[in-house]
Protein backbone atom coordinates (compact mmCIF):
# COMPACT_ATOMS: atom_id res chain seq x y z
CA MET A 1 -0.39 -0.27 -0.31
CA ALA A 2 1.21 3.44 -1.35
CA LYS A 3 2.83 4.67 2.01
CA CYS A 4 0.18 7.94 2.30
CA CYS A 5 -1.98 5.27 3.12
CA SER A 6 -1.11 3.01 5.12
CA ASN A 7 -2.72 4.65 8.85
CA LEU A 8 -5.16 7.31 6.49
CA PHE A 9 -8.57 5.35 8.03
CA THR A 10 -6.39 3.63 11.72
CA GLU A 11 -8.96 4.79 14.49
CA PHE A 12 -12.34 5.57 12.14
CA THR A 13 -14.89 3.22 12.06
CA PHE A 14 -18.01 2.39 9.89
CA GLN A 15 -19.91 3.74 12.62
CA ASP A 16 -18.54 7.47 11.69
CA LEU A 17 -19.10 7.26 8.59
CA THR A 18 -22.93 6.34 9.02
CA ASN A 19 -22.89 9.07 11.41
CA ALA A 20 -22.16 11.21 9.26
CA LYS A 21 -23.48 14.63 8.39
CA PRO A 22 -23.10 17.01 5.90
CA PRO A 23 -23.00 20.59 6.28
CA SER A 24 -25.70 22.44 4.98
CA GLU A 25 -22.82 25.49 3.53
CA LYS A 26 -20.53 24.15 0.46
CA ALA A 27 -16.70 24.73 2.05
CA SER A 28 -13.56 24.36 -0.05
CA PRO A 29 -11.85 21.27 2.65
CA GLN A 30 -8.68 24.18 3.03
CA GLU A 31 -11.71 25.82 3.93
CA MET A 32 -13.30 23.09 6.27
CA ILE A 33 -9.75 22.81 8.15
CA ASP A 34 -9.42 26.50 8.85
CA LYS A 35 -12.62 26.76 10.21
CA THR A 36 -12.00 23.41 12.22
CA LYS A 37 -8.50 24.22 13.97
CA GLN A 38 -9.51 27.96 14.85
CA LEU A 39 -12.49 26.27 16.68
CA ILE A 40 -10.01 23.91 18.24
CA SER A 41 -7.46 25.59 19.12
CA ALA A 42 -10.15 27.01 21.90
CA ILE A 43 -10.15 23.47 23.33
CA SER A 44 -7.79 23.93 26.45
CA TRP A 45 -7.41 19.55 26.65
CA ASP A 46 -4.69 18.78 24.73
CA LEU A 47 -5.46 15.40 24.19
CA VAL A 48 -8.54 16.26 22.45
CA VAL A 49 -7.05 18.92 20.40
CA GLU A 50 -4.27 15.88 19.25
CA PHE A 51 -6.55 13.58 17.80
CA ILE A 52 -8.58 16.07 15.80
CA ILE A 53 -5.99 17.63 14.70
CA SER A 54 -5.01 14.21 14.15
CA CYS A 55 -7.97 13.03 11.87
CA ILE A 56 -7.48 16.26 9.85
CA LYS A 57 -3.89 15.36 8.80
CA ARG A 58 -5.59 11.59 7.43
CA LEU A 59 -8.34 13.05 6.22
CA ASN A 60 -6.33 15.71 4.10
CA ASN A 61 -4.00 13.26 3.12
CA ILE A 62 -7.06 11.46 1.19
CA GLY A 63 -5.87 13.95 -1.64
CA ASN A 64 -2.73 11.95 -2.47
CA CYS A 65 -3.52 8.67 -2.35
CA PRO A 66 -3.49 6.93 -5.45
CA ILE A 67 -5.80 4.43 -4.82
CA ILE A 68 -8.33 6.86 -4.14
CA SER A 69 -8.37 9.55 -6.06
């Protein structure tokens, strides 16, 4: 498997995907990432911030995965 894909979906579950609701307004992926980072910057729970940033990095790498794109 390509290196960028090796840990792309770790810790995601099928339930996470089926429970996800699409945003009502359309935004570019980078705008969504920036807004999410801005939102979590106010959280003072480092473990949660690390987990969310990790998820964002993996989601952001989807575009680099030759299996998906």
